[in-house]
């Protein structure tokens, strides 16, 4: 057993974080997304320092967090590996304020400017101020114990 086994017991939502920099779109599946502040509106996520897309994300100036819906497991898997061009193939995109790509049909999205990058062990934490956001009805895709699922409300 290792720390990843214990951390897998914590249920999270699933996002795809995207950015447009260096003349191309970058994207990766991420479950390390969270709120930092409501006023001003700020969020964070973390990227492994050895990730092939690390440099692109920390130097892009901003990012788009795409919160995946319950039926978007295939998108989560698609953005977890492979070349960047393959990840974006056949994806319907909307460009945000700073041209970062938003995936179609996500249940929420946050278009952010990076305000701070904090080094933390083998990851960097990217804190961003939310410039624009949107939400639509639906249940979010959840991830726990290395499996995807959906949380349902308790019946009273």
Protein backbone atom coordinates (compact mmCIF):
# COMPACT_ATOMS: atom_id res chain seq x y z
CA UNK A 1 0.00 0.00 0.00
CA UNK A 2 1.19 3.55 -0.76
CA UNK A 3 -0.06 7.12 -0.44
CA UNK A 4 -1.82 6.89 -3.81
CA UNK A 5 -3.91 3.98 -2.47
CA UNK A 6 -5.04 6.06 0.49
CA UNK A 7 -5.68 9.17 -1.63
CA UNK A 8 -7.80 7.12 -4.03
CA UNK A 9 -10.38 6.80 -1.26
CA UNK A 10 -11.12 10.53 -1.56
CA UNK A 11 -13.82 11.04 -4.19
CA UNK A 12 -13.18 13.92 -6.56
CA UNK A 13 -14.75 15.48 -9.59
CA UNK A 14 -13.07 15.11 -12.97
CA UNK A 15 -11.93 18.00 -15.14
CA UNK A 16 -9.94 18.57 -18.28
CA UNK A 17 -7.68 21.61 -18.02
CA UNK A 18 -6.79 23.26 -21.32
CA UNK A 19 -4.61 26.13 -22.50
CA UNK A 20 -3.55 27.69 -25.78
CA UNK A 21 0.12 28.61 -25.94
CA UNK A 22 3.16 28.07 -28.12
CA UNK A 23 0.82 28.05 -31.13
CA UNK A 24 -1.12 24.98 -30.04
CA UNK A 25 -3.80 23.67 -27.72
CA UNK A 26 -2.79 21.76 -24.61
CA UNK A 27 -5.06 19.62 -22.45
CA UNK A 28 -4.93 17.08 -19.66
CA UNK A 29 -7.31 15.26 -17.35
CA UNK A 30 -7.14 16.58 -13.81
CA UNK A 31 -8.83 15.79 -10.52
CA UNK A 32 -6.75 18.18 -8.38
CA UNK A 33 -9.11 21.12 -8.98
CA UNK A 34 -10.50 23.23 -6.14
CA UNK A 35 -11.80 26.64 -5.07
CA UNK A 36 -9.35 29.08 -3.49
CA UNK A 37 -11.42 32.24 -3.01
CA UNK A 38 -14.89 33.57 -3.76
CA UNK A 39 -13.96 37.27 -3.71
CA UNK A 40 -12.07 37.56 -5.92
CA UNK A 41 -13.10 34.33 -7.63
CA UNK A 42 -10.03 32.08 -7.70
CA UNK A 43 -9.41 28.38 -8.33
CA UNK A 44 -6.41 26.06 -8.38
CA UNK A 45 -5.17 22.83 -9.89
CA UNK A 46 -1.82 21.09 -9.90
CA UNK A 47 0.43 19.69 -12.61
CA UNK A 48 3.31 17.25 -12.15
CA UNK A 49 6.67 18.90 -12.81
CA UNK A 50 7.77 15.97 -15.02
CA UNK A 51 4.64 16.12 -17.19
CA UNK A 52 5.32 16.70 -20.88
CA UNK A 53 2.85 19.61 -20.79
CA UNK A 54 4.13 21.19 -17.56
CA UNK A 55 6.06 24.02 -19.24
CA UNK A 56 3.15 24.88 -21.54
CA UNK A 57 0.69 25.17 -18.67
CA UNK A 58 2.87 27.19 -16.30
CA UNK A 59 3.86 29.66 -19.04
CA UNK A 60 0.49 29.99 -20.82
CA UNK A 61 -0.65 32.89 -18.66
CA UNK A 62 -3.99 31.20 -18.05
CA UNK A 63 -6.07 28.10 -18.45
CA UNK A 64 -9.61 26.78 -18.88
CA UNK A 65 -11.01 24.23 -16.42
CA UNK A 66 -13.68 22.04 -18.06
CA UNK A 67 -15.81 20.18 -15.48
CA UNK A 68 -16.89 16.90 -17.04
CA UNK A 69 -20.42 15.58 -16.88
CA UNK A 70 -21.46 12.08 -15.92
CA UNK A 71 -21.49 10.88 -19.54
CA UNK A 72 -18.03 12.20 -20.41
CA UNK A 73 -15.79 9.39 -19.15
CA UNK A 74 -14.41 8.88 -22.68
CA UNK A 75 -13.21 12.49 -22.74
CA UNK A 76 -11.46 12.01 -19.39
CA UNK A 77 -9.68 8.91 -20.70
CA UNK A 78 -8.83 10.60 -24.01
CA UNK A 79 -7.11 13.56 -22.31
CA UNK A 80 -5.17 11.31 -19.92
CA UNK A 81 -2.62 10.15 -22.51
CA UNK A 82 -1.39 10.49 -26.06
CA UNK A 83 -0.21 13.37 -28.20
CA UNK A 84 -1.88 16.74 -27.77
CA UNK A 85 -3.25 16.72 -31.34
CA UNK A 86 -4.87 13.33 -30.69
CA UNK A 87 -6.49 14.58 -27.49
CA UNK A 88 -8.21 17.43 -29.33
CA UNK A 89 -9.13 15.44 -32.46
CA UNK A 90 -12.90 15.43 -33.03
CA UNK A 91 -13.52 17.77 -30.06
CA UNK A 92 -15.96 20.61 -30.58
CA UNK A 93 -14.31 23.68 -29.02
CA UNK A 94 -15.30 27.19 -27.99
CA UNK A 95 -12.53 29.76 -27.46
CA UNK A 96 -12.45 31.64 -24.19
CA UNK A 97 -11.38 35.20 -23.40
CA UNK A 98 -7.68 34.38 -23.89
CA UNK A 99 -8.24 31.74 -26.60
CA UNK A 100 -7.99 28.78 -24.22
CA UNK A 101 -10.22 25.98 -25.53
CA UNK A 102 -13.49 25.09 -23.82
CA UNK A 103 -14.86 21.62 -24.52
CA UNK A 104 -18.46 21.50 -25.69
CA UNK A 105 -21.18 20.16 -23.39
CA UNK A 106 -19.21 20.28 -20.12
CA UNK A 107 -21.37 20.97 -17.06
CA UNK A 108 -19.23 23.91 -15.91
CA UNK A 109 -16.17 25.82 -17.05
CA UNK A 110 -13.81 28.42 -15.61
CA UNK A 111 -11.63 30.66 -17.81
CA UNK A 112 -8.71 31.87 -15.68
CA UNK A 113 -5.61 34.04 -15.65
CA UNK A 114 -2.71 32.57 -13.68
CA UNK A 115 -1.99 34.74 -10.64
CA UNK A 116 0.54 32.49 -8.92
CA UNK A 117 2.48 29.27 -9.46
CA UNK A 118 3.45 27.57 -6.20
CA UNK A 119 6.06 24.82 -6.12
CA UNK A 120 4.91 21.93 -3.92
CA UNK A 121 7.00 18.75 -3.99
CA UNK A 122 6.78 17.06 -7.37
CA UNK A 123 3.91 19.31 -8.55
CA UNK A 124 3.30 22.99 -9.25
CA UNK A 125 0.01 24.50 -8.08
CA UNK A 126 -1.49 26.92 -10.59
CA UNK A 127 -3.71 29.49 -8.89
CA UNK A 128 -5.93 31.43 -11.26
CA UNK A 129 -8.38 34.29 -11.07
CA UNK A 130 -11.65 33.41 -12.80
CA UNK A 131 -12.32 35.82 -15.68
CA UNK A 132 -15.43 34.08 -16.98
CA UNK A 133 -17.39 30.92 -16.19
CA UNK A 134 -20.51 29.01 -17.10
CA UNK A 135 -22.69 26.20 -15.83
CA UNK A 136 -25.43 23.95 -17.16
CA UNK A 137 -27.63 21.29 -15.60
CA UNK A 138 -26.22 17.82 -15.10
CA UNK A 139 -24.36 15.55 -12.73
CA UNK A 140 -20.57 15.65 -12.60
CA UNK A 141 -18.28 12.77 -13.37
CA UNK A 142 -16.73 11.43 -10.15
CA UNK A 143 -13.52 9.48 -9.55
CA UNK A 144 -12.67 7.30 -6.55
CA UNK A 145 -10.59 4.17 -5.98
CA UNK A 146 -9.37 4.34 -9.58
CA UNK A 147 -12.92 4.11 -10.98
CA UNK A 148 -15.34 6.57 -12.57
CA UNK A 149 -18.84 7.00 -11.26
CA UNK A 150 -21.63 9.46 -10.51
CA UNK A 151 -22.76 10.72 -7.14
CA UNK A 152 -26.51 10.64 -6.63
CA UNK A 153 -28.40 12.59 -3.98
CA UNK A 154 -29.76 10.73 -0.98
CA UNK A 155 -33.48 10.01 -1.04
CA UNK A 156 -35.27 11.37 2.04
